Amino acid sequence: MTPAEARVDLSAIRDNVALLRSHAPGALTMVAVKADGYGHGMAAAARACLEGGAERLGTAYVREALQLRAEGVTAPILSWIIPPGEPLDEAVSADVELSAGAPWLVDAIAEAAGRTGRVARVHLKADTGNGRGGSPIADWPALVDRALARQAEGTIEVVGLWSHFACADIPGHPSIDTQLGAFDEALAIAEKAGVGGSHVIRHIANSAANLTLPRARYDMVRPGIAAYGLSPIPELGDFGLRPAMTLTARLALVKRVPMGSGVSYGHLYVTDRETKLGLVPLGYADGILRHATGRAEVFAGGRRRRIAGRVCMDQFVIDVGEDPLTEGDEVILFGDGSQGEPTAQEWADSLGTITHEIVTRIGSRVPRVYR
């Protein structure tokens, strides 16, 4: 028994990926497994995604891709955040595909390829309006030309052209059409310059676009949060996705206290009657936001209970009243809702954030248990 655990249903991930693939017939599927598989465990999640039909995987950082290779994952992997000093030689040697949004990075990748004697596979990224990574459209022709020059010398091969949405999770947002138009412009520039053919994968669709924007699917979709069963557009429902993670803990202590007892730092909660308090051994060091104080609910003893008092580094408290709860009894923080417990979406809503933050914050002290 452990004080707490994150139970991960790998069949849910497999089923979610299969569902996402059904929404994009004819397109490849690359699932993002960055941030430790959105908190679900990167290697296990990656294998489940591939079993669900994904052809490719995506990571934010090169070191994440190299970790997957060390775990024996052989599927194509794309890494896309590459600051100076990243282990590019190791990445090229491990057949990790790399994104480049600036000429200097194309050169750095080509030089790494030259040192390793391998040809680096590169995806050129255009900034079509997200304002983060990628080349502005005004600089795009220069990036394409640099990549073609390096390709001609045999150090790199351009295998992808891509971008990323800013507001695909806001149905009808005007930036969606604007970005698609800019992406089509970038594709046309690249193809006119000589980057094209069936081996060059065009991709821009994230989870929201995968599910709701057929025009955005091109040659490949890149779902992330949806693969783990969490809706990218909650106001449109769950799309048939199944949440894969259930976060649980076991009560460390149950004790009776008199009316008027202050609970936790600052005494933000004071008992209005004689009652019993239960100590839950999870805190903000484990990813339970301090902001959850007095806001989020958990499920214990057959019903929901609001967090009572300040969330601490390693623990928080619930008021269990006169219910027959005792040490070792299970508390469910969030799950798929099938037992009446809160969902990650409800936690996100109550804390004014998104489910991505709820699941990726769960810390390393909480073991992942796979089912």
Protein backbone atom coordinates (compact mmCIF):
# COMPACT_ATOMS: atom_id res chain seq x y z
CA MET A 1 0.00 0.00 0.00
CA THR A 2 1.18 3.50 -0.78
CA PRO A 3 -0.10 6.77 0.72
CA ALA A 4 -1.31 7.85 -2.70
CA GLU A 5 -1.26 6.65 -6.30
CA ALA A 6 -2.28 7.74 -9.76
CA ARG A 7 -4.05 4.83 -11.40
CA VAL A 8 -3.69 4.93 -15.17
CA ASP A 9 -6.04 2.92 -17.35
CA LEU A 10 -3.94 2.12 -20.42
CA SER A 11 -6.97 0.68 -22.22
CA ALA A 12 -8.56 4.12 -22.01
CA ILE A 13 -5.55 5.67 -23.74
CA ARG A 14 -5.66 3.01 -26.45
CA ASP A 15 -9.38 3.53 -26.98
CA ASN A 16 -9.04 7.32 -27.02
CA VAL A 17 -6.34 7.17 -29.69
CA ALA A 18 -8.47 4.84 -31.79
CA LEU A 19 -11.38 7.29 -31.45
CA LEU A 20 -9.19 10.22 -32.46
CA ARG A 21 -7.95 8.31 -35.49
CA SER A 22 -11.53 7.66 -36.55
CA HIS A 23 -12.10 11.43 -36.69
CA ALA A 24 -9.21 11.88 -39.14
CA PRO A 25 -9.50 9.11 -41.73
CA GLY A 26 -6.59 9.04 -44.12
CA ALA A 27 -4.32 11.11 -41.86
CA LEU A 28 -1.44 9.89 -39.74
CA THR A 29 -1.69 10.31 -35.97
CA MET A 30 1.14 11.68 -33.84
CA VAL A 31 0.31 11.69 -30.13
CA ALA A 32 2.09 14.15 -27.86
CA VAL A 33 3.62 12.29 -24.91
CA LYS A 34 5.60 15.26 -23.58
CA ALA A 35 5.59 16.22 -19.89
CA ASP A 36 5.81 12.58 -18.81
CA GLY A 37 2.86 11.62 -20.97
CA TYR A 38 0.80 14.51 -19.60
CA GLY A 39 1.54 13.16 -16.15
CA HIS A 40 0.47 9.60 -16.97
CA GLY A 41 3.98 8.18 -17.42
CA MET A 42 5.68 8.76 -20.74
CA ALA A 43 6.90 5.31 -21.76
CA ALA A 44 3.73 3.46 -20.73
CA ALA A 45 1.53 6.10 -22.36
CA ALA A 46 3.62 6.01 -25.52
CA ARG A 47 3.22 2.26 -25.86
CA ALA A 48 -0.54 2.51 -25.27
CA CYS A 49 -0.81 5.22 -27.94
CA LEU A 50 1.01 3.05 -30.45
CA GLU A 51 -1.18 0.08 -29.54
CA GLY A 52 -4.19 2.33 -30.17
CA GLY A 53 -3.01 2.96 -33.72
CA ALA A 54 -0.80 6.06 -33.50
CA GLU A 55 1.99 5.93 -36.04
CA ARG A 56 4.15 8.61 -34.42
CA LEU A 57 4.93 10.30 -31.12
CA GLY A 58 5.78 13.88 -30.20
CA THR A 59 7.84 15.35 -27.39
CA ALA A 60 8.62 18.92 -26.46
CA TYR A 61 12.29 18.29 -25.68
CA VAL A 62 15.03 16.19 -27.22
CA ARG A 63 15.82 14.60 -23.86
CA GLU A 64 12.26 13.28 -23.65
CA ALA A 65 12.68 11.62 -27.04
CA LEU A 66 16.00 10.12 -26.01
CA GLN A 67 14.37 8.77 -22.86
CA LEU A 68 11.77 7.02 -25.01
CA ARG A 69 14.52 5.52 -27.15
CA ALA A 70 16.26 4.29 -23.99
CA GLU A 71 12.96 2.67 -22.99
CA GLY A 72 12.95 0.75 -26.27
CA VAL A 73 10.39 2.81 -28.19
CA THR A 74 11.30 2.61 -31.89
CA ALA A 75 8.42 4.54 -33.50
CA PRO A 76 9.14 7.88 -35.21
CA ILE A 77 9.43 10.72 -32.69
CA LEU A 78 9.42 14.47 -33.34
CA SER A 79 10.90 16.96 -30.83
CA TRP A 80 10.11 20.63 -31.28
CA ILE A 81 11.59 22.89 -28.57
CA ILE A 82 15.31 23.04 -29.28
CA PRO A 83 17.29 25.82 -27.59
CA PRO A 84 21.04 26.10 -28.13
CA GLY A 85 23.06 23.38 -26.47
CA GLU A 86 20.64 20.50 -26.90
CA PRO A 87 22.15 17.03 -27.52
CA LEU A 88 21.59 17.10 -31.27
CA ASP A 89 24.26 14.53 -32.07
CA GLU A 90 22.52 11.99 -29.84
CA ALA A 91 19.15 12.91 -31.31
CA VAL A 92 20.28 12.42 -34.90
CA SER A 93 22.01 9.17 -34.00
CA ALA A 94 18.78 7.95 -32.36
CA ASP A 95 16.66 8.84 -35.42
CA VAL A 96 14.76 11.54 -33.56
CA GLU A 97 13.09 13.95 -35.98
CA LEU A 98 13.73 17.61 -35.17
CA SER A 99 11.77 20.80 -35.69
CA ALA A 100 13.44 23.97 -36.94
CA GLY A 101 11.90 27.43 -37.10
CA ALA A 102 15.06 29.45 -37.76
CA PRO A 103 18.04 29.16 -40.14
CA TRP A 104 20.57 28.90 -37.27
CA LEU A 105 18.81 25.79 -36.01
CA VAL A 106 18.79 24.21 -39.47
CA ASP A 107 22.56 24.77 -39.51
CA ALA A 108 23.00 23.33 -36.02
CA ILE A 109 21.05 20.20 -36.94
CA ALA A 110 22.97 19.82 -40.21
CA GLU A 111 26.29 20.13 -38.40
CA ALA A 112 25.22 17.47 -35.90
CA ALA A 113 24.27 15.23 -38.80
CA GLY A 114 27.68 15.79 -40.36
CA ARG A 115 29.41 14.79 -37.15
CA THR A 116 27.38 11.61 -36.81
CA GLY A 117 27.42 10.59 -40.45
CA ARG A 118 23.63 10.39 -40.47
CA VAL A 119 20.95 12.33 -42.36
CA ALA A 120 18.77 14.34 -39.96
CA ARG A 121 15.03 14.36 -40.60
CA VAL A 122 13.66 17.88 -40.13
CA HIS A 123 10.21 19.45 -39.86
CA LEU A 124 10.15 23.16 -40.70
CA LYS A 125 7.80 25.14 -38.47
CA ALA A 126 5.92 28.26 -39.54
CA ASP A 127 4.47 30.73 -37.06
CA THR A 128 1.03 31.26 -38.58
CA GLY A 129 -0.30 33.34 -35.72
CA ASN A 130 0.37 31.58 -32.44
CA GLY A 131 3.30 33.86 -31.70
CA ARG A 132 5.45 31.19 -30.06
CA GLY A 133 7.92 28.94 -31.94
CA GLY A 134 8.31 28.86 -35.67
CA SER A 135 9.34 31.22 -38.43
CA PRO A 136 7.25 34.30 -39.15
CA ILE A 137 5.79 34.13 -42.65
CA ALA A 138 7.98 37.08 -43.69
CA ASP A 139 11.10 35.04 -42.83
CA TRP A 140 9.76 31.72 -44.08
CA PRO A 141 11.29 31.84 -47.59
CA ALA A 142 14.76 32.30 -46.07
CA LEU A 143 14.22 29.32 -43.73
CA VAL A 144 13.07 27.14 -46.61
CA ASP A 145 16.05 28.17 -48.74
CA ARG A 146 18.50 27.38 -45.94
CA ALA A 147 16.92 23.99 -45.41
CA LEU A 148 17.04 23.19 -49.13
CA ALA A 149 20.71 24.18 -49.27
CA ARG A 150 21.51 21.86 -46.38
CA GLN A 151 19.39 19.14 -47.94
CA ALA A 152 21.36 19.49 -51.18
CA GLU A 153 24.61 18.83 -49.32
CA GLY A 154 23.11 15.65 -47.87
CA THR A 155 23.04 16.44 -44.16
CA ILE A 156 19.30 16.91 -43.65
CA GLU A 157 16.06 15.82 -45.25
CA VAL A 158 12.94 18.00 -44.92
CA VAL A 159 10.18 15.55 -44.04
CA GLY A 160 7.59 17.86 -42.48
CA LEU A 161 6.01 21.31 -42.69
CA TRP A 162 3.99 22.35 -39.68
CA SER A 163 2.45 24.95 -37.42
CA HIS A 164 0.34 25.17 -34.27
CA PHE A 165 -3.05 26.71 -33.50
CA ALA A 166 -3.61 29.41 -30.91
CA CYS A 167 -7.41 29.16 -30.54
CA ALA A 168 -8.62 25.88 -32.03
CA ASP A 169 -10.26 25.17 -28.66
CA ILE A 170 -12.48 28.25 -29.10
CA PRO A 171 -15.02 27.23 -31.75
CA GLY A 172 -15.52 29.91 -34.38
CA HIS A 173 -12.58 32.05 -33.30
CA PRO A 174 -11.52 34.20 -36.29
CA SER A 175 -7.85 33.31 -35.82
CA ILE A 176 -8.56 29.73 -36.91
CA ASP A 177 -9.29 30.66 -40.52
CA THR A 178 -6.51 33.24 -40.46
CA GLN A 179 -3.99 30.64 -39.37
CA LEU A 180 -5.17 28.09 -41.90
CA GLY A 181 -4.78 30.70 -44.62
CA ALA A 182 -1.27 31.53 -43.42
CA PHE A 183 -0.38 27.84 -43.26
CA ASP A 184 -1.59 27.31 -46.83
CA GLU A 185 0.55 30.27 -47.87
CA ALA A 186 3.59 28.77 -46.14
CA LEU A 187 2.96 25.41 -47.80
CA ALA A 188 2.69 27.04 -51.21
CA ILE A 189 5.97 28.93 -50.71
CA ALA A 190 7.74 25.75 -49.63
CA GLU A 191 6.34 23.67 -52.46
CA LYS A 192 7.25 26.31 -55.06
CA ALA A 193 10.79 26.34 -53.70
CA GLY A 194 11.04 22.57 -54.03
CA VAL A 195 9.89 21.17 -50.67
CA GLY A 196 7.11 18.75 -51.45
CA GLY A 197 6.11 15.25 -52.33
CA SER A 198 4.27 12.51 -50.52
CA HIS A 199 7.10 12.05 -48.03
CA VAL A 200 6.67 15.61 -46.66
CA ILE A 201 4.05 15.56 -43.88
CA ARG A 202 1.90 18.68 -43.45
CA HIS A 203 0.44 19.07 -39.96
CA ILE A 204 -1.20 21.70 -37.77
CA ALA A 205 -4.13 19.99 -35.98
CA ASN A 206 -4.02 19.61 -32.19
CA SER A 207 -6.66 17.73 -30.15
CA ALA A 208 -9.36 20.33 -30.72
CA ALA A 209 -8.73 20.54 -34.47
CA ASN A 210 -8.48 16.75 -34.71
CA LEU A 211 -12.03 16.50 -33.35
CA THR A 212 -13.73 19.55 -34.87
CA LEU A 213 -11.87 20.95 -37.90
CA PRO A 214 -11.73 18.56 -40.88
CA ARG A 215 -10.00 21.19 -43.01
CA ALA A 216 -7.08 21.31 -40.57
CA ARG A 217 -6.19 17.61 -40.66
CA TYR A 218 -3.91 17.70 -43.74
CA ASP A 219 -1.54 14.70 -43.66
CA MET A 220 -1.32 14.23 -39.90
CA VAL A 221 -3.05 15.18 -36.66
CA ARG A 222 -1.25 15.75 -33.34
CA PRO A 223 -3.61 15.08 -30.42
CA GLY A 224 -2.34 15.59 -26.91
CA ILE A 225 -4.74 16.03 -24.01
CA ALA A 226 -7.55 14.14 -25.77
CA ALA A 227 -5.48 10.97 -25.92
CA TYR A 228 -5.62 10.90 -22.13
CA GLY A 229 -9.40 11.19 -22.14
CA LEU A 230 -9.80 14.86 -21.33
CA SER A 231 -11.85 17.08 -23.60
CA PRO A 232 -10.00 19.85 -25.45
CA ILE A 233 -13.29 21.80 -25.71
CA PRO A 234 -15.22 21.02 -22.50
CA GLU A 235 -18.24 23.12 -23.49
CA LEU A 236 -18.83 20.74 -26.41
CA GLY A 237 -18.79 17.65 -24.18
CA ASP A 238 -16.39 14.74 -23.82
CA PHE A 239 -16.53 13.52 -27.46
CA GLY A 240 -16.73 9.95 -26.15
CA LEU A 241 -13.27 10.12 -24.58
CA ARG A 242 -12.50 8.22 -21.36
CA PRO A 243 -10.29 9.81 -18.67
CA ALA A 244 -7.30 7.56 -18.07
CA MET A 245 -6.15 8.81 -14.66
CA THR A 246 -7.71 8.32 -11.24
CA LEU A 247 -5.85 10.04 -8.41
CA THR A 248 -6.31 8.45 -4.99
CA ALA A 249 -4.91 8.61 -1.48
CA ARG A 250 -5.47 6.80 1.80
CA LEU A 251 -6.39 8.63 4.96
CA ALA A 252 -3.33 8.96 7.17
CA LEU A 253 -5.23 9.99 10.30
CA VAL A 254 -8.81 10.45 11.45
CA LYS A 255 -9.46 12.33 14.69
CA ARG A 256 -12.30 13.95 16.60
CA VAL A 257 -12.09 17.69 17.32
CA PRO A 258 -14.41 20.08 19.21
CA MET A 259 -16.53 22.84 17.71
CA GLY A 260 -14.47 25.94 16.94
CA SER A 261 -11.31 24.07 15.99
CA GLY A 262 -9.13 25.86 13.45
CA VAL A 263 -7.86 23.67 10.63
CA SER A 264 -4.48 24.01 8.90
CA TYR A 265 -2.41 27.16 8.28
CA GLY A 266 -4.23 30.43 8.78
CA HIS A 267 -7.34 28.75 10.25
CA LEU A 268 -9.25 29.45 7.03
CA TYR A 269 -11.62 26.67 8.07
CA VAL A 270 -13.07 26.50 11.58
CA THR A 271 -15.36 23.64 12.58
CA ASP A 272 -18.94 24.69 13.32
CA ARG A 273 -19.61 21.58 15.41
CA GLU A 274 -17.84 18.70 17.07
CA THR A 275 -16.66 16.60 14.15
CA LYS A 276 -14.00 14.29 12.76
CA LEU A 277 -11.18 15.41 10.47
CA GLY A 278 -9.39 13.21 7.96
CA LEU A 279 -5.80 13.84 6.90
CA VAL A 280 -5.06 13.22 3.21
CA PRO A 281 -1.33 12.71 2.50
CA LEU A 282 -1.06 14.80 -0.67
CA GLY A 283 -0.11 18.44 -1.02
CA TYR A 284 1.24 21.06 -3.34
CA ALA A 285 4.58 19.20 -3.54
CA ASP A 286 2.56 16.47 -5.23
CA GLY A 287 0.73 18.81 -7.58
CA ILE A 288 -2.36 19.59 -5.52
CA LEU A 289 -2.64 23.30 -6.11
CA ARG A 290 -2.58 25.43 -2.96
CA HIS A 291 -5.35 27.35 -4.71
CA ALA A 292 -7.55 24.26 -4.15
CA THR A 293 -7.99 25.39 -0.54
CA GLY A 294 -11.72 25.50 0.20
CA ARG A 295 -12.55 25.02 -3.50
CA ALA A 296 -11.90 21.52 -4.78
CA GLU A 297 -13.84 18.45 -3.72
CA VAL A 298 -12.80 14.85 -3.14
CA PHE A 299 -14.77 11.63 -2.78
CA ALA A 300 -14.59 9.67 0.46
CA GLY A 301 -16.99 7.39 2.30
CA GLY A 302 -19.52 7.41 -0.51
CA ARG A 303 -19.85 11.17 -0.98
CA ARG A 304 -18.04 14.33 -1.96
CA ARG A 305 -16.28 16.52 0.58
CA ARG A 306 -14.69 19.92 0.09
CA ILE A 307 -11.07 20.47 1.12
CA ALA A 308 -11.17 22.01 4.59
CA GLY A 309 -8.49 24.57 5.27
CA ARG A 310 -5.19 25.36 3.58
CA VAL A 311 -3.59 22.82 1.26
CA CYS A 312 -0.07 22.26 2.64
CA MET A 313 3.10 20.94 1.05
CA ASP A 314 2.40 17.31 1.89
CA GLN A 315 -1.18 17.13 3.16
CA PHE A 316 -4.65 18.55 3.34
CA VAL A 317 -7.68 17.95 5.53
CA ILE A 318 -11.31 17.01 4.94
CA ASP A 319 -14.17 17.26 7.42
CA VAL A 320 -15.77 13.80 7.52
CA GLY A 321 -18.45 14.59 10.12
CA GLU A 322 -19.77 11.49 11.83
CA ASP A 323 -19.24 9.17 8.88
CA PRO A 324 -17.46 5.90 9.76
CA LEU A 325 -14.18 6.69 8.01
CA THR A 326 -10.89 5.54 9.44
CA GLU A 327 -7.18 5.41 8.70
CA GLY A 328 -6.40 3.65 5.42
CA ASP A 329 -9.75 4.40 3.80
CA GLU A 330 -9.56 5.55 0.23
CA VAL A 331 -10.07 9.11 -0.93
CA ILE A 332 -10.52 9.77 -4.65
CA LEU A 333 -9.43 13.22 -5.69
CA PHE A 334 -10.55 12.85 -9.30
CA GLY A 335 -11.32 10.10 -11.77
CA ASP A 336 -13.74 9.35 -14.58
CA GLY A 337 -16.78 10.20 -12.43
CA SER A 338 -18.26 6.71 -12.57
CA GLN A 339 -18.38 6.36 -8.77
CA GLY A 340 -19.62 9.88 -8.17
CA GLU A 341 -16.13 11.29 -7.70
CA PRO A 342 -15.05 14.63 -9.18
CA THR A 343 -13.40 14.60 -12.59
CA ALA A 344 -10.21 16.39 -13.58
CA GLN A 345 -12.45 18.75 -15.55
CA GLU A 346 -14.35 19.65 -12.38
CA TRP A 347 -11.09 20.28 -10.57
CA ALA A 348 -9.94 22.49 -13.43
CA ASP A 349 -13.22 24.41 -13.45
CA SER A 350 -13.16 24.97 -9.70
CA LEU A 351 -9.58 26.25 -9.84
CA GLY A 352 -9.91 28.40 -12.95
CA THR A 353 -7.46 26.39 -15.01
CA ILE A 354 -7.39 23.59 -17.60
CA THR A 355 -7.16 19.84 -17.22
CA HIS A 356 -3.66 19.87 -18.74
CA GLU A 357 -2.38 21.57 -15.58
CA ILE A 358 -4.29 19.28 -13.23
CA VAL A 359 -2.79 16.04 -14.57
CA THR A 360 0.70 17.22 -15.50
CA ARG A 361 1.35 18.67 -12.04
CA ILE A 362 1.01 15.31 -10.26
CA GLY A 363 4.49 14.85 -8.84
CA SER A 364 7.04 12.07 -8.80
CA ARG A 365 6.24 11.07 -5.20
CA VAL A 366 2.94 9.70 -6.47
CA PRO A 367 3.52 6.33 -8.13
CA ARG A 368 1.74 5.59 -11.40
CA VAL A 369 -0.05 2.26 -11.24
CA TYR A 370 -1.03 0.82 -14.62
CA ARG A 371 -4.13 -1.16 -15.33
